[in-house]
Amino acid sequence: MEAGRALLLEGGIAAVTHLEVARRSGLGRRTVYRHFPDRSSLLYGVLATARFPGASWTGALDADLRTFLHALRVALNRGPLAFVIATLVEASTVDPELATLRARLIDEGCRPLRELLEHARAELPTDLDVDAAQAALEGPLFYRAIVRGEPIPRRVVDDVVAAFMRDPPRRAARARRA
């Protein structure tokens, strides 16, 4: 996977092939195919090395959100996560196989925050719009990292969580305003 990740970072998704991973890693091509029988499984394995952080529920929503979002901030600032997401989003616009892969990886990446919000249901409005909550919490980080290409300062996480805790997005409230 390190060989595949290096190829991805150097040449994008097109550079990640069974042959190149075998060459770079020193493994035989058959060995690579045995572990990753098709292009989709190889790309998934390589792209999944850029891990989204996990989340844990301690019972204190404010602190748990800050902990999770600070871990995401670090992953976007210091790891290949921002590059991998941007590359996959771009490539998936023209390759249906990659669109499926993107959806799978994004679903896995979104799961920790969604689970955290589910654990905190008692502390949140009953009409919480979970998709809007996820966008409000993670969106500013992804915007800075991927769209602007800037490092995310710690204060951004604190500001985002404070705003969310003051006014979590609600389905009914959003529908009435529209």
C-alpha atoms as a PDB file:
ATOM      1  CA  MET A   1       0.000   0.000   0.000  1.00  0.00           C
ATOM      2  CA  GLU A   2       2.914   2.344   0.619  1.00  0.00           C
ATOM      3  CA  ALA A   3       4.034   1.828  -2.983  1.00  0.00           C
ATOM      4  CA  GLY A   4       0.526   2.539  -4.238  1.00  0.00           C
ATOM      5  CA  ARG A   5       0.222   5.594  -2.047  1.00  0.00           C
ATOM      6  CA  ALA A   6       3.543   6.947  -3.310  1.00  0.00           C
ATOM      7  CA  LEU A   7       2.398   6.414  -6.898  1.00  0.00           C
ATOM      8  CA  LEU A   8      -0.886   8.170  -6.149  1.00  0.00           C
ATOM      9  CA  LEU A   9       0.838  11.188  -4.633  1.00  0.00           C
ATOM     10  CA  GLU A  10       3.348  11.378  -7.500  1.00  0.00           C
ATOM     11  CA  GLY A  11       1.125  10.756 -10.502  1.00  0.00           C
ATOM     12  CA  GLY A  12      -2.508  10.704  -9.445  1.00  0.00           C
ATOM     13  CA  ILE A  13      -4.994   7.887  -9.824  1.00  0.00           C
ATOM     14  CA  ALA A  14      -3.854   6.958 -13.341  1.00  0.00           C
ATOM     15  CA  ALA A  15      -0.399   6.086 -11.975  1.00  0.00           C
ATOM     16  CA  VAL A  16      -1.782   3.411  -9.632  1.00  0.00           C
ATOM     17  CA  THR A  17      -1.733   0.189 -11.627  1.00  0.00           C
ATOM     18  CA  HIS A  18      -1.037  -3.399 -10.659  1.00  0.00           C
ATOM     19  CA  LEU A  19       2.163  -3.334 -12.704  1.00  0.00           C
ATOM     20  CA  GLU A  20       3.471  -0.108 -11.163  1.00  0.00           C
ATOM     21  CA  VAL A  21       2.572  -1.153  -7.613  1.00  0.00           C
ATOM     22  CA  ALA A  22       4.389  -4.448  -8.170  1.00  0.00           C
ATOM     23  CA  ARG A  23       7.443  -2.653  -9.594  1.00  0.00           C
ATOM     24  CA  ARG A  24       7.563  -0.035  -6.852  1.00  0.00           C
ATOM     25  CA  SER A  25       7.032  -2.508  -4.007  1.00  0.00           C
ATOM     26  CA  GLY A  26       9.319  -5.228  -5.319  1.00  0.00           C
ATOM     27  CA  LEU A  27       6.476  -7.744  -5.288  1.00  0.00           C
ATOM     28  CA  GLY A  28       5.421  -9.893  -8.182  1.00  0.00           C
ATOM     29  CA  ARG A  29       2.441  -8.746 -10.193  1.00  0.00           C
ATOM     30  CA  ARG A  30       0.646 -11.994  -9.333  1.00  0.00           C
ATOM     31  CA  THR A  31       1.021 -11.222  -5.644  1.00  0.00           C
ATOM     32  CA  VAL A  32      -0.533  -7.799  -6.119  1.00  0.00           C
ATOM     33  CA  TYR A  33      -3.402  -9.326  -8.133  1.00  0.00           C
ATOM     34  CA  ARG A  34      -3.929 -11.996  -5.470  1.00  0.00           C
ATOM     35  CA  HIS A  35      -4.588  -9.308  -2.863  1.00  0.00           C
ATOM     36  CA  PHE A  36      -6.333  -6.899  -5.246  1.00  0.00           C
ATOM     37  CA  PRO A  37      -7.991  -8.827  -8.071  1.00  0.00           C
ATOM     38  CA  ASP A  38      -9.233  -5.765  -9.983  1.00  0.00           C
ATOM     39  CA  ARG A  39      -8.451  -2.073 -10.394  1.00  0.00           C
ATOM     40  CA  SER A  40     -11.267  -1.003  -8.105  1.00  0.00           C
ATOM     41  CA  SER A  41     -10.010  -3.090  -5.171  1.00  0.00           C
ATOM     42  CA  LEU A  42      -6.439  -1.874  -5.731  1.00  0.00           C
ATOM     43  CA  LEU A  43      -7.522   1.768  -5.815  1.00  0.00           C
ATOM     44  CA  TYR A  44      -9.743   1.289  -2.786  1.00  0.00           C
ATOM     45  CA  GLY A  45      -6.831  -0.213  -0.846  1.00  0.00           C
ATOM     46  CA  VAL A  46      -4.518   2.627  -1.804  1.00  0.00           C
ATOM     47  CA  LEU A  47      -7.058   5.398  -1.248  1.00  0.00           C
ATOM     48  CA  ALA A  48      -8.127   3.927   2.086  1.00  0.00           C
ATOM     49  CA  THR A  49      -4.584   4.460   3.410  1.00  0.00           C
ATOM     50  CA  ALA A  50      -5.548   8.133   3.729  1.00  0.00           C
ATOM     51  CA  ARG A  51      -7.711   7.490   6.756  1.00  0.00           C
ATOM     52  CA  PHE A  52     -10.468   9.631   8.102  1.00  0.00           C
ATOM     53  CA  PRO A  53     -10.170   9.883  11.878  1.00  0.00           C
ATOM     54  CA  GLY A  54     -12.486   7.940  14.129  1.00  0.00           C
ATOM     55  CA  ALA A  55     -14.724   9.435  16.775  1.00  0.00           C
ATOM     56  CA  SER A  56     -15.531   8.305  20.264  1.00  0.00           C
ATOM     57  CA  TRP A  57     -18.477   9.157  22.476  1.00  0.00           C
ATOM     58  CA  THR A  58     -17.624  10.190  26.014  1.00  0.00           C
ATOM     59  CA  GLY A  59     -20.975  11.761  26.777  1.00  0.00           C
ATOM     60  CA  ALA A  60     -19.831  15.352  26.334  1.00  0.00           C
ATOM     61  CA  LEU A  61     -20.890  16.415  22.842  1.00  0.00           C
ATOM     62  CA  ASP A  62     -18.967  19.701  22.766  1.00  0.00           C
ATOM     63  CA  ALA A  63     -15.688  18.039  23.785  1.00  0.00           C
ATOM     64  CA  ASP A  64     -16.260  15.014  21.537  1.00  0.00           C
ATOM     65  CA  LEU A  65     -16.896  17.230  18.515  1.00  0.00           C
ATOM     66  CA  ARG A  66     -13.761  19.253  19.232  1.00  0.00           C
ATOM     67  CA  THR A  67     -11.663  16.100  19.635  1.00  0.00           C
ATOM     68  CA  PHE A  68     -12.962  14.598  16.403  1.00  0.00           C
ATOM     69  CA  LEU A  69     -12.677  17.791  14.370  1.00  0.00           C
ATOM     70  CA  HIS A  70      -9.165  18.501  15.663  1.00  0.00           C
ATOM     71  CA  ALA A  71      -8.174  14.980  14.536  1.00  0.00           C
ATOM     72  CA  LEU A  72      -9.734  15.688  11.129  1.00  0.00           C
ATOM     73  CA  ARG A  73      -7.914  19.036  10.993  1.00  0.00           C
ATOM     74  CA  VAL A  74      -4.592  17.294  11.642  1.00  0.00           C
ATOM     75  CA  ALA A  75      -5.341  14.606   9.026  1.00  0.00           C
ATOM     76  CA  LEU A  76      -6.168  17.272   6.434  1.00  0.00           C
ATOM     77  CA  ASN A  77      -3.180  19.445   7.350  1.00  0.00           C
ATOM     78  CA  ARG A  78      -0.490  16.780   7.647  1.00  0.00           C
ATOM     79  CA  GLY A  79      -1.562  13.713   5.731  1.00  0.00           C
ATOM     80  CA  PRO A  80      -2.595  12.888   2.198  1.00  0.00           C
ATOM     81  CA  LEU A  81      -6.320  12.991   3.014  1.00  0.00           C
ATOM     82  CA  ALA A  82      -7.034  16.347   1.333  1.00  0.00           C
ATOM     83  CA  PHE A  83      -5.083  15.353  -1.779  1.00  0.00           C
ATOM     84  CA  VAL A  84      -6.759  11.949  -1.985  1.00  0.00           C
ATOM     85  CA  ILE A  85     -10.253  13.414  -1.672  1.00  0.00           C
ATOM     86  CA  ALA A  86      -9.599  16.150  -4.234  1.00  0.00           C
ATOM     87  CA  THR A  87      -8.037  13.670  -6.671  1.00  0.00           C
ATOM     88  CA  LEU A  88     -10.841  11.160  -6.256  1.00  0.00           C
ATOM     89  CA  VAL A  89     -13.573  13.775  -6.634  1.00  0.00           C
ATOM     90  CA  GLU A  90     -12.006  15.059  -9.847  1.00  0.00           C
ATOM     91  CA  ALA A  91     -11.409  11.618 -11.365  1.00  0.00           C
ATOM     92  CA  SER A  92     -14.836  10.335 -10.393  1.00  0.00           C
ATOM     93  CA  THR A  93     -16.560  12.964 -12.525  1.00  0.00           C
ATOM     94  CA  VAL A  94     -15.475  11.092 -15.668  1.00  0.00           C
ATOM     95  CA  ASP A  95     -15.116   7.490 -14.459  1.00  0.00           C
ATOM     96  CA  PRO A  96     -18.262   5.758 -13.140  1.00  0.00           C
ATOM     97  CA  GLU A  97     -16.172   3.083 -11.398  1.00  0.00           C
ATOM     98  CA  LEU A  98     -14.396   5.802  -9.454  1.00  0.00           C
ATOM     99  CA  ALA A  99     -17.712   7.486  -8.662  1.00  0.00           C
ATOM    100  CA  THR A 100     -18.793   4.293  -6.913  1.00  0.00           C
ATOM    101  CA  LEU A 101     -15.465   4.118  -5.106  1.00  0.00           C
ATOM    102  CA  ARG A 102     -15.763   7.778  -4.084  1.00  0.00           C
ATOM    103  CA  ALA A 103     -19.235   7.189  -2.675  1.00  0.00           C
ATOM    104  CA  ARG A 104     -17.972   4.200  -0.678  1.00  0.00           C
ATOM    105  CA  LEU A 105     -14.980   6.038   0.773  1.00  0.00           C
ATOM    106  CA  ILE A 106     -16.973   9.170   1.566  1.00  0.00           C
ATOM    107  CA  ASP A 107     -19.658   7.084   3.256  1.00  0.00           C
ATOM    108  CA  GLU A 108     -16.993   5.457   5.427  1.00  0.00           C
ATOM    109  CA  GLY A 109     -15.393   8.825   6.128  1.00  0.00           C
ATOM    110  CA  CYS A 110     -18.720  10.391   7.129  1.00  0.00           C
ATOM    111  CA  ARG A 111     -19.690   7.542   9.434  1.00  0.00           C
ATOM    112  CA  PRO A 112     -17.697   8.564  12.558  1.00  0.00           C
ATOM    113  CA  LEU A 113     -19.304  12.001  12.836  1.00  0.00           C
ATOM    114  CA  ARG A 114     -22.763  10.613  12.038  1.00  0.00           C
ATOM    115  CA  GLU A 115     -22.358   8.005  14.777  1.00  0.00           C
ATOM    116  CA  LEU A 116     -21.202  10.680  17.192  1.00  0.00           C
ATOM    117  CA  LEU A 117     -24.297  12.743  16.416  1.00  0.00           C
ATOM    118  CA  GLU A 118     -26.501   9.664  16.861  1.00  0.00           C
ATOM    119  CA  HIS A 119     -24.977   8.985  20.298  1.00  0.00           C
ATOM    120  CA  ALA A 120     -25.691  12.593  21.236  1.00  0.00           C
ATOM    121  CA  ARG A 121     -29.346  12.529  20.136  1.00  0.00           C
ATOM    122  CA  ALA A 122     -30.527  13.386  23.653  1.00  0.00           C
ATOM    123  CA  GLU A 123     -28.446  16.596  23.599  1.00  0.00           C
ATOM    124  CA  LEU A 124     -29.582  17.668  20.133  1.00  0.00           C
ATOM    125  CA  PRO A 125     -32.856  18.979  18.735  1.00  0.00           C
ATOM    126  CA  THR A 126     -35.208  16.186  17.672  1.00  0.00           C
ATOM    127  CA  ASP A 127     -35.499  17.813  14.251  1.00  0.00           C
ATOM    128  CA  LEU A 128     -31.725  17.974  13.697  1.00  0.00           C
ATOM    129  CA  ASP A 129     -30.813  17.886  10.013  1.00  0.00           C
ATOM    130  CA  VAL A 130     -27.923  15.411  10.179  1.00  0.00           C
ATOM    131  CA  ASP A 131     -26.673  16.172   6.658  1.00  0.00           C
ATOM    132  CA  ALA A 132     -26.667  19.899   7.367  1.00  0.00           C
ATOM    133  CA  ALA A 133     -24.993  19.248  10.730  1.00  0.00           C
ATOM    134  CA  GLN A 134     -22.241  17.269   9.043  1.00  0.00           C
ATOM    135  CA  ALA A 135     -21.763  20.028   6.465  1.00  0.00           C
ATOM    136  CA  ALA A 136     -21.705  22.711   9.170  1.00  0.00           C
ATOM    137  CA  LEU A 137     -19.116  20.820  11.200  1.00  0.00           C
ATOM    138  CA  GLU A 138     -16.803  19.340   8.556  1.00  0.00           C
ATOM    139  CA  GLY A 139     -17.477  21.658   5.622  1.00  0.00           C
ATOM    140  CA  PRO A 140     -15.328  24.576   6.783  1.00  0.00           C
ATOM    141  CA  LEU A 141     -12.354  22.252   7.282  1.00  0.00           C
ATOM    142  CA  PHE A 142     -12.675  20.641   3.855  1.00  0.00           C
ATOM    143  CA  TYR A 143     -13.189  24.047   2.258  1.00  0.00           C
ATOM    144  CA  ARG A 144      -9.941  25.401   3.689  1.00  0.00           C
ATOM    145  CA  ALA A 145      -7.936  22.253   2.976  1.00  0.00           C
ATOM    146  CA  ILE A 146      -9.249  21.305  -0.462  1.00  0.00           C
ATOM    147  CA  VAL A 147     -10.729  24.406  -2.071  1.00  0.00           C
ATOM    148  CA  ARG A 148      -8.324  27.004  -0.687  1.00  0.00           C
ATOM    149  CA  GLY A 149      -5.344  24.706  -0.132  1.00  0.00           C
ATOM    150  CA  GLU A 150      -4.598  26.328   3.209  1.00  0.00           C
ATOM    151  CA  PRO A 151      -3.686  24.833   6.563  1.00  0.00           C
ATOM    152  CA  ILE A 152      -6.553  24.798   9.023  1.00  0.00           C
ATOM    153  CA  PRO A 153      -5.826  26.743  12.224  1.00  0.00           C
ATOM    154  CA  ARG A 154      -6.986  25.286  15.568  1.00  0.00           C
ATOM    155  CA  ARG A 155      -9.330  28.216  16.129  1.00  0.00           C
ATOM    156  CA  VAL A 156     -11.432  27.194  13.128  1.00  0.00           C
ATOM    157  CA  VAL A 157     -12.482  24.001  14.908  1.00  0.00           C
ATOM    158  CA  ASP A 158     -13.326  25.886  18.086  1.00  0.00           C
ATOM    159  CA  ASP A 159     -15.378  28.446  16.132  1.00  0.00           C
ATOM    160  CA  VAL A 160     -17.212  25.765  14.146  1.00  0.00           C
ATOM    161  CA  VAL A 161     -18.136  23.759  17.248  1.00  0.00           C
ATOM    162  CA  ALA A 162     -19.230  26.862  19.152  1.00  0.00           C
ATOM    163  CA  ALA A 163     -21.500  27.925  16.283  1.00  0.00           C
ATOM    164  CA  PHE A 164     -22.946  24.419  15.989  1.00  0.00           C
ATOM    165  CA  MET A 165     -23.627  24.145  19.710  1.00  0.00           C
ATOM    166  CA  ARG A 166     -25.386  27.561  19.683  1.00  0.00           C
ATOM    167  CA  ASP A 167     -27.579  26.761  16.688  1.00  0.00           C
ATOM    168  CA  PRO A 168     -27.606  23.198  15.343  1.00  0.00           C
ATOM    169  CA  PRO A 169     -29.236  22.971  11.905  1.00  0.00           C
ATOM    170  CA  ARG A 170     -32.846  21.786  12.046  1.00  0.00           C
ATOM    171  CA  ARG A 171     -34.934  20.258   9.295  1.00  0.00           C
ATOM    172  CA  ALA A 172     -38.160  22.055  10.165  1.00  0.00           C
ATOM    173  CA  ALA A 173     -36.465  25.430  10.694  1.00  0.00           C
ATOM    174  CA  ARG A 174     -34.697  25.212   7.333  1.00  0.00           C
ATOM    175  CA  ALA A 175     -37.882  24.188   5.528  1.00  0.00           C
ATOM    176  CA  ARG A 176     -39.879  27.123   6.951  1.00  0.00           C
ATOM    177  CA  ARG A 177     -37.240  29.658   5.906  1.00  0.00           C
ATOM    178  CA  ALA A 178     -37.109  28.399   2.334  1.00  0.00           C
END
